[in-house]
Each structure stands twice: as C-alpha cells, then as structure tokens.
Amino acid sequence: MPKYSATDQKGRYLHWDEFQWQVDSGDDVLAAWCVTKFARMALAKGLPQLQAEGDHYFSYCVPDSLFARLHVIDKMTGGG
C-alpha cells in the first residue's frame, strides 16, 4: 500500500476518526491505517525523559507538511 503514508495526499495528519473515511474504496481500512501508523513511527522522535509505564515513553511525529505551518506560526510570533 505505497499510497498511504504519515499524511494524506494534501499533507494533512489525519486521526483515525477522519482517516477511516478517506481510505480508497476497495482498500482494507485497517491495513491502510497500519501502513500509516508505521510511516509515522518511522518519523517519530522520542522523549525518554517522559517515560510512562515500563519501556514506553512519549513520542511525536512532525511530518514534512507541518514544517511550513510551523514556520508561519514562528513568523507571526516574532521570529522574523
């Protein structure tokens, strides 16, 4: 399923409640979600300082499409 990645084709980071309705007809919804989650895990950055139970810790994913939006926010808040 190479057509599914961390974001949709418009660069949006969709959560499950939105993602499940965007899957192409005929594609397995759960398989597409697994591919998306795997792509997000590959981009994820971990924060071991925020450890939860056992070996689990907080992680976050910043896809490429988000950098442009973050740049706009940075400029609006005085970053030049």
PDB file of N, CA and C in Angstrom:
ATOM      1  N   MET A   1       0.825  -1.188   0.000  1.00  0.00           N
ATOM      2  CA  MET A   1       0.000   0.000   0.000  1.00  0.00           C
ATOM      3  C   MET A   1       0.872   1.255   0.000  1.00  0.00           C
ATOM      4  N   PRO A   2       1.609   1.474  -1.049  1.00  0.00           N
ATOM      5  CA  PRO A   2       2.501   2.635  -1.088  1.00  0.00           C
ATOM      6  C   PRO A   2       1.775   3.979  -1.125  1.00  0.00           C
ATOM      7  N   LYS A   3       0.473   3.984  -1.372  1.00  0.00           N
ATOM      8  CA  LYS A   3      -0.228   5.269  -1.446  1.00  0.00           C
ATOM      9  C   LYS A   3      -0.572   5.845  -0.079  1.00  0.00           C
ATOM     10  N   TYR A   4      -0.362   5.087   0.988  1.00  0.00           N
ATOM     11  CA  TYR A   4      -0.636   5.588   2.338  1.00  0.00           C
ATOM     12  C   TYR A   4       0.674   5.902   3.039  1.00  0.00           C
ATOM     13  N   SER A   5       0.727   7.064   3.653  1.00  0.00           N
ATOM     14  CA  SER A   5       1.935   7.496   4.358  1.00  0.00           C
ATOM     15  C   SER A   5       1.531   8.234   5.632  1.00  0.00           C
ATOM     16  N   ALA A   6       2.459   8.952   6.231  1.00  0.00           N
ATOM     17  CA  ALA A   6       2.194   9.638   7.506  1.00  0.00           C
ATOM     18  C   ALA A   6       1.077  10.668   7.382  1.00  0.00           C
ATOM     19  N   THR A   7       0.942  11.254   6.199  1.00  0.00           N
ATOM     20  CA  THR A   7      -0.123  12.229   5.950  1.00  0.00           C
ATOM     21  C   THR A   7      -0.890  11.813   4.703  1.00  0.00           C
ATOM     22  N   ASP A   8      -2.021  12.453   4.472  1.00  0.00           N
ATOM     23  CA  ASP A   8      -2.757  12.163   3.243  1.00  0.00           C
ATOM     24  C   ASP A   8      -2.123  12.932   2.080  1.00  0.00           C
ATOM     25  N   GLN A   9      -2.712  12.848   0.903  1.00  0.00           N
ATOM     26  CA  GLN A   9      -2.120  13.493  -0.271  1.00  0.00           C
ATOM     27  C   GLN A   9      -2.113  15.012  -0.176  1.00  0.00           C
ATOM     28  N   LYS A  10      -2.946  15.576   0.701  1.00  0.00           N
ATOM     29  CA  LYS A  10      -2.986  17.027   0.896  1.00  0.00           C
ATOM     30  C   LYS A  10      -2.051  17.467   2.021  1.00  0.00           C
ATOM     31  N   GLY A  11      -1.323  16.523   2.597  1.00  0.00           N
ATOM     32  CA  GLY A  11      -0.387  16.853   3.668  1.00  0.00           C
ATOM     33  C   GLY A  11      -1.021  16.939   5.043  1.00  0.00           C
ATOM     34  N   ARG A  12      -2.251  16.471   5.171  1.00  0.00           N
ATOM     35  CA  ARG A  12      -2.951  16.539   6.460  1.00  0.00           C
ATOM     36  C   ARG A  12      -2.637  15.315   7.312  1.00  0.00           C
ATOM     37  N   TYR A  13      -2.421  15.551   8.594  1.00  0.00           N
ATOM     38  CA  TYR A  13      -2.178  14.488   9.570  1.00  0.00           C
ATOM     39  C   TYR A  13      -3.539  14.100  10.128  1.00  0.00           C
ATOM     40  N   LEU A  14      -4.110  13.038   9.597  1.00  0.00           N
ATOM     41  CA  LEU A  14      -5.466  12.645   9.984  1.00  0.00           C
ATOM     42  C   LEU A  14      -5.448  11.648  11.133  1.00  0.00           C
ATOM     43  N   HIS A  15      -6.350  11.863  12.068  1.00  0.00           N
ATOM     44  CA  HIS A  15      -6.547  10.896  13.144  1.00  0.00           C
ATOM     45  C   HIS A  15      -7.537   9.842  12.653  1.00  0.00           C
ATOM     46  N   TRP A  16      -7.620   8.742  13.370  1.00  0.00           N
ATOM     47  CA  TRP A  16      -8.425   7.602  12.940  1.00  0.00           C
ATOM     48  C   TRP A  16      -9.849   7.998  12.583  1.00  0.00           C
ATOM     49  N   ASP A  17     -10.491   8.845  13.383  1.00  0.00           N
ATOM     50  CA  ASP A  17     -11.893   9.178  13.132  1.00  0.00           C
ATOM     51  C   ASP A  17     -12.096   9.886  11.789  1.00  0.00           C
ATOM     52  N   GLU A  18     -11.076  10.547  11.275  1.00  0.00           N
ATOM     53  CA  GLU A  18     -11.145  11.164   9.949  1.00  0.00           C
ATOM     54  C   GLU A  18     -10.551  10.240   8.881  1.00  0.00           C
ATOM     55  N   PHE A  19      -9.458   9.583   9.241  1.00  0.00           N
ATOM     56  CA  PHE A  19      -8.736   8.733   8.296  1.00  0.00           C
ATOM     57  C   PHE A  19      -9.613   7.627   7.723  1.00  0.00           C
ATOM     58  N   GLN A  20     -10.384   6.976   8.562  1.00  0.00           N
ATOM     59  CA  GLN A  20     -11.155   5.812   8.114  1.00  0.00           C
ATOM     60  C   GLN A  20     -12.126   6.134   6.984  1.00  0.00           C
ATOM     61  N   TRP A  21     -12.523   7.391   6.872  1.00  0.00           N
ATOM     62  CA  TRP A  21     -13.459   7.781   5.816  1.00  0.00           C
ATOM     63  C   TRP A  21     -12.738   8.248   4.550  1.00  0.00           C
ATOM     64  N   GLN A  22     -11.414   8.365   4.594  1.00  0.00           N
ATOM     65  CA  GLN A  22     -10.636   8.828   3.445  1.00  0.00           C
ATOM     66  C   GLN A  22      -9.982   7.687   2.663  1.00  0.00           C
ATOM     67  N   VAL A  23     -10.080   6.474   3.165  1.00  0.00           N
ATOM     68  CA  VAL A  23      -9.462   5.315   2.513  1.00  0.00           C
ATOM     69  C   VAL A  23     -10.201   5.016   1.213  1.00  0.00           C
ATOM     70  N   ASP A  24      -9.418   4.760   0.168  1.00  0.00           N
ATOM     71  CA  ASP A  24      -9.999   4.484  -1.146  1.00  0.00           C
ATOM     72  C   ASP A  24     -10.893   3.245  -1.105  1.00  0.00           C
ATOM     73  N   SER A  25     -11.931   3.285  -1.885  1.00  0.00           N
ATOM     74  CA  SER A  25     -12.855   2.165  -1.987  1.00  0.00           C
ATOM     75  C   SER A  25     -12.101   0.926  -2.451  1.00  0.00           C
ATOM     76  N   GLY A  26     -12.333  -0.177  -1.793  1.00  0.00           N
ATOM     77  CA  GLY A  26     -11.674  -1.431  -2.144  1.00  0.00           C
ATOM     78  C   GLY A  26     -10.417  -1.701  -1.343  1.00  0.00           C
ATOM     79  N   ASP A  27      -9.878  -0.677  -0.660  1.00  0.00           N
ATOM     80  CA  ASP A  27      -8.700  -0.870   0.182  1.00  0.00           C
ATOM     81  C   ASP A  27      -9.132  -1.280   1.582  1.00  0.00           C
ATOM     82  N   ASP A  28      -8.356  -2.107   2.203  1.00  0.00           N
ATOM     83  CA  ASP A  28      -8.617  -2.538   3.578  1.00  0.00           C
ATOM     84  C   ASP A  28      -8.298  -1.381   4.524  1.00  0.00           C
ATOM     85  N   VAL A  29      -9.294  -0.910   5.243  1.00  0.00           N
ATOM     86  CA  VAL A  29      -9.151   0.262   6.114  1.00  0.00           C
ATOM     87  C   VAL A  29      -8.105   0.017   7.198  1.00  0.00           C
ATOM     88  N   LEU A  30      -8.154  -1.136   7.843  1.00  0.00           N
ATOM     89  CA  LEU A  30      -7.198  -1.410   8.924  1.00  0.00           C
ATOM     90  C   LEU A  30      -5.777  -1.579   8.402  1.00  0.00           C
ATOM     91  N   ALA A  31      -5.627  -2.180   7.235  1.00  0.00           N
ATOM     92  CA  ALA A  31      -4.295  -2.323   6.649  1.00  0.00           C
ATOM     93  C   ALA A  31      -3.736  -0.952   6.276  1.00  0.00           C
ATOM     94  N   ALA A  32      -4.574  -0.081   5.725  1.00  0.00           N
ATOM     95  CA  ALA A  32      -4.139   1.275   5.382  1.00  0.00           C
ATOM     96  C   ALA A  32      -3.743   2.043   6.640  1.00  0.00           C
ATOM     97  N   TRP A  33      -4.487   1.855   7.717  1.00  0.00           N
ATOM     98  CA  TRP A  33      -4.166   2.519   8.989  1.00  0.00           C
ATOM     99  C   TRP A  33      -2.830   2.006   9.540  1.00  0.00           C
ATOM    100  N   CYS A  34      -2.606   0.704   9.450  1.00  0.00           N
ATOM    101  CA  CYS A  34      -1.335   0.128   9.925  1.00  0.00           C
ATOM    102  C   CYS A  34      -0.157   0.690   9.133  1.00  0.00           C
ATOM    103  N   VAL A  35      -0.303   0.822   7.820  1.00  0.00           N
ATOM    104  CA  VAL A  35       0.754   1.395   6.991  1.00  0.00           C
ATOM    105  C   VAL A  35       1.013   2.839   7.406  1.00  0.00           C
ATOM    106  N   THR A  36      -0.050   3.593   7.653  1.00  0.00           N
ATOM    107  CA  THR A  36       0.068   4.989   8.081  1.00  0.00           C
ATOM    108  C   THR A  36       0.766   5.082   9.430  1.00  0.00           C
ATOM    109  N   LYS A  37       0.363   4.255  10.375  1.00  0.00           N
ATOM    110  CA  LYS A  37       0.986   4.270  11.703  1.00  0.00           C
ATOM    111  C   LYS A  37       2.460   3.892  11.623  1.00  0.00           C
ATOM    112  N   PHE A  38       2.797   2.918  10.779  1.00  0.00           N
ATOM    113  CA  PHE A  38       4.186   2.509  10.616  1.00  0.00           C
ATOM    114  C   PHE A  38       5.018   3.658  10.038  1.00  0.00           C
ATOM    115  N   ALA A  39       4.464   4.362   9.051  1.00  0.00           N
ATOM    116  CA  ALA A  39       5.163   5.517   8.459  1.00  0.00           C
ATOM    117  C   ALA A  39       5.370   6.609   9.506  1.00  0.00           C
ATOM    118  N   ARG A  40       4.392   6.805  10.376  1.00  0.00           N
ATOM    119  CA  ARG A  40       4.517   7.805  11.435  1.00  0.00           C
ATOM    120  C   ARG A  40       5.551   7.395  12.472  1.00  0.00           C
ATOM    121  N   MET A  41       5.609   6.118  12.778  1.00  0.00           N
ATOM    122  CA  MET A  41       6.607   5.648  13.743  1.00  0.00           C
ATOM    123  C   MET A  41       8.019   5.838  13.193  1.00  0.00           C
ATOM    124  N   ALA A  42       8.182   5.701  11.879  1.00  0.00           N
ATOM    125  CA  ALA A  42       9.494   5.893  11.271  1.00  0.00           C
ATOM    126  C   ALA A  42       9.951   7.351  11.392  1.00  0.00           C
ATOM    127  N   LEU A  43       9.005   8.288  11.429  1.00  0.00           N
ATOM    128  CA  LEU A  43       9.327   9.713  11.558  1.00  0.00           C
ATOM    129  C   LEU A  43       9.362  10.183  13.010  1.00  0.00           C
ATOM    130  N   ALA A  44       8.898   9.341  13.913  1.00  0.00           N
ATOM    131  CA  ALA A  44       8.712   9.758  15.307  1.00  0.00           C
ATOM    132  C   ALA A  44      10.025  10.059  16.014  1.00  0.00           C
ATOM    133  N   LYS A  45       9.929  11.019  16.886  1.00  0.00           N
ATOM    134  CA  LYS A  45      11.042  11.369  17.763  1.00  0.00           C
ATOM    135  C   LYS A  45      10.575  11.090  19.188  1.00  0.00           C
ATOM    136  N   GLY A  46      11.431  10.468  19.953  1.00  0.00           N
ATOM    137  CA  GLY A  46      11.053  10.096  21.308  1.00  0.00           C
ATOM    138  C   GLY A  46      11.602  11.048  22.357  1.00  0.00           C
ATOM    139  N   LEU A  47      10.913  11.100  23.450  1.00  0.00           N
ATOM    140  CA  LEU A  47      11.357  11.867  24.612  1.00  0.00           C
ATOM    141  C   LEU A  47      11.454  10.915  25.798  1.00  0.00           C
ATOM    142  N   PRO A  48      12.597  10.257  25.973  1.00  0.00           N
ATOM    143  CA  PRO A  48      12.733   9.294  27.057  1.00  0.00           C
ATOM    144  C   PRO A  48      12.594   9.925  28.443  1.00  0.00           C
ATOM    145  N   GLN A  49      12.727  11.261  28.522  1.00  0.00           N
ATOM    146  CA  GLN A  49      12.546  11.933  29.803  1.00  0.00           C
ATOM    147  C   GLN A  49      11.094  11.830  30.280  1.00  0.00           C
ATOM    148  N   LEU A  50      10.179  11.623  29.351  1.00  0.00           N
ATOM    149  CA  LEU A  50       8.764  11.494  29.692  1.00  0.00           C
ATOM    150  C   LEU A  50       8.352  10.028  29.630  1.00  0.00           C
ATOM    151  N   GLN A  51       8.960   9.234  30.469  1.00  0.00           N
ATOM    152  CA  GLN A  51       8.713   7.797  30.472  1.00  0.00           C
ATOM    153  C   GLN A  51       7.410   7.482  31.198  1.00  0.00           C
ATOM    154  N   ALA A  52       6.666   6.571  30.623  1.00  0.00           N
ATOM    155  CA  ALA A  52       5.422   6.100  31.240  1.00  0.00           C
ATOM    156  C   ALA A  52       5.711   4.750  31.896  1.00  0.00           C
ATOM    157  N   GLU A  53       4.814   3.828  31.751  1.00  0.00           N
ATOM    158  CA  GLU A  53       4.994   2.505  32.341  1.00  0.00           C
ATOM    159  C   GLU A  53       5.982   1.686  31.518  1.00  0.00           C
ATOM    160  N   GLY A  54       6.857   0.995  32.185  1.00  0.00           N
ATOM    161  CA  GLY A  54       7.807   0.110  31.513  1.00  0.00           C
ATOM    162  C   GLY A  54       8.731   0.858  30.582  1.00  0.00           C
ATOM    163  N   ASP A  55       8.847   0.358  29.355  1.00  0.00           N
ATOM    164  CA  ASP A  55       9.729   0.964  28.363  1.00  0.00           C
ATOM    165  C   ASP A  55       9.005   1.973  27.466  1.00  0.00           C
ATOM    166  N   HIS A  56       7.779   2.307  27.779  1.00  0.00           N
ATOM    167  CA  HIS A  56       7.007   3.230  26.955  1.00  0.00           C
ATOM    168  C   HIS A  56       7.333   4.670  27.331  1.00  0.00           C
ATOM    169  N   TYR A  57       7.474   5.509  26.310  1.00  0.00           N
ATOM    170  CA  TYR A  57       7.719   6.918  26.547  1.00  0.00           C
ATOM    171  C   TYR A  57       7.012   7.733  25.481  1.00  0.00           C
ATOM    172  N   PHE A  58       6.896   9.029  25.744  1.00  0.00           N
ATOM    173  CA  PHE A  58       6.206   9.932  24.836  1.00  0.00           C
ATOM    174  C   PHE A  58       6.998  10.074  23.540  1.00  0.00           C
ATOM    175  N   SER A  59       6.303  10.054  22.432  1.00  0.00           N
ATOM    176  CA  SER A  59       6.931  10.314  21.140  1.00  0.00           C
ATOM    177  C   SER A  59       5.975  11.176  20.316  1.00  0.00           C
ATOM    178  N   TYR A  60       6.538  11.858  19.342  1.00  0.00           N
ATOM    179  CA  TYR A  60       5.729  12.714  18.485  1.00  0.00           C
ATOM    180  C   TYR A  60       6.244  12.635  17.056  1.00  0.00           C
ATOM    181  N   CYS A  61       5.382  12.962  16.123  1.00  0.00           N
ATOM    182  CA  CYS A  61       5.707  12.890  14.708  1.00  0.00           C
ATOM    183  C   CYS A  61       5.468  14.263  14.081  1.00  0.00           C
ATOM    184  N   VAL A  62       6.483  14.784  13.412  1.00  0.00           N
ATOM    185  CA  VAL A  62       6.354  16.048  12.696  1.00  0.00           C
ATOM    186  C   VAL A  62       6.602  15.763  11.215  1.00  0.00           C
ATOM    187  N   PRO A  63       5.537  15.549  10.449  1.00  0.00           N
ATOM    188  CA  PRO A  63       5.719  15.285   9.014  1.00  0.00           C
ATOM    189  C   PRO A  63       6.187  16.547   8.286  1.00  0.00           C
ATOM    190  N   ASP A  64       6.765  16.375   7.119  1.00  0.00           N
ATOM    191  CA  ASP A  64       7.300  17.491   6.336  1.00  0.00           C
ATOM    192  C   ASP A  64       6.268  18.588   6.096  1.00  0.00           C
ATOM    193  N   SER A  65       5.023  18.202   5.870  1.00  0.00           N
ATOM    194  CA  SER A  65       3.988  19.194   5.577  1.00  0.00           C
ATOM    195  C   SER A  65       3.735  20.140   6.751  1.00  0.00           C
ATOM    196  N   LEU A  66       4.119  19.740   7.935  1.00  0.00           N
ATOM    197  CA  LEU A  66       3.886  20.579   9.112  1.00  0.00           C
ATOM    198  C   LEU A  66       4.932  21.684   9.259  1.00  0.00           C
ATOM    199  N   PHE A  67       6.127  21.486   8.685  1.00  0.00           N
ATOM    200  CA  PHE A  67       7.179  22.483   8.833  1.00  0.00           C
ATOM    201  C   PHE A  67       6.789  23.838   8.263  1.00  0.00           C
ATOM    202  N   ALA A  68       6.089  23.873   7.137  1.00  0.00           N
ATOM    203  CA  ALA A  68       5.650  25.147   6.556  1.00  0.00           C
ATOM    204  C   ALA A  68       4.684  25.853   7.500  1.00  0.00           C
ATOM    205  N   ARG A  69       3.791  25.116   8.114  1.00  0.00           N
ATOM    206  CA  ARG A  69       2.837  25.716   9.057  1.00  0.00           C
ATOM    207  C   ARG A  69       3.536  26.213  10.311  1.00  0.00           C
ATOM    208  N   LEU A  70       4.505  25.462  10.772  1.00  0.00           N
ATOM    209  CA  LEU A  70       5.260  25.897  11.948  1.00  0.00           C
ATOM    210  C   LEU A  70       6.062  27.164  11.639  1.00  0.00           C
ATOM    211  N   HIS A  71       6.558  27.273  10.416  1.00  0.00           N
ATOM    212  CA  HIS A  71       7.297  28.460  10.015  1.00  0.00           C
ATOM    213  C   HIS A  71       6.385  29.695  10.040  1.00  0.00           C
ATOM    214  N   VAL A  72       5.167  29.564   9.573  1.00  0.00           N
ATOM    215  CA  VAL A  72       4.201  30.662   9.598  1.00  0.00           C
ATOM    216  C   VAL A  72       3.927  31.094  11.039  1.00  0.00           C
ATOM    217  N   ILE A  73       3.742  30.127  11.922  1.00  0.00           N
ATOM    218  CA  ILE A  73       3.499  30.437  13.327  1.00  0.00           C
ATOM    219  C   ILE A  73       4.703  31.145  13.911  1.00  0.00           C
ATOM    220  N   ASP A  74       5.890  30.672  13.583  1.00  0.00           N
ATOM    221  CA  ASP A  74       7.114  31.284  14.070  1.00  0.00           C
ATOM    222  C   ASP A  74       7.214  32.747  13.630  1.00  0.00           C
ATOM    223  N   LYS A  75       6.918  33.018  12.366  1.00  0.00           N
ATOM    224  CA  LYS A  75       6.963  34.382  11.856  1.00  0.00           C
ATOM    225  C   LYS A  75       5.917  35.271  12.525  1.00  0.00           C
ATOM    226  N   MET A  76       4.733  34.728  12.787  1.00  0.00           N
ATOM    227  CA  MET A  76       3.660  35.501  13.402  1.00  0.00           C
ATOM    228  C   MET A  76       3.971  35.857  14.864  1.00  0.00           C
ATOM    229  N   THR A  77       4.785  35.050  15.489  1.00  0.00           N
ATOM    230  CA  THR A  77       5.092  35.281  16.908  1.00  0.00           C
ATOM    231  C   THR A  77       6.407  36.003  17.115  1.00  0.00           C
ATOM    232  N   GLY A  78       6.901  36.613  16.058  1.00  0.00           N
ATOM    233  CA  GLY A  78       8.092  37.444  16.212  1.00  0.00           C
ATOM    234  C   GLY A  78       9.379  36.813  15.770  1.00  0.00           C
ATOM    235  N   GLY A  79       9.302  35.718  15.067  1.00  0.00           N
ATOM    236  CA  GLY A  79      10.517  35.056  14.634  1.00  0.00           C
ATOM    237  C   GLY A  79      11.098  35.628  13.354  1.00  0.00           C
ATOM    238  N   GLY A  80      10.604  36.769  12.894  1.00  0.00           N
ATOM    239  CA  GLY A  80      11.141  37.424  11.689  1.00  0.00           C
ATOM    240  C   GLY A  80      10.397  37.060  10.506  1.00  0.00           C
TER     241      GLY A  80
END
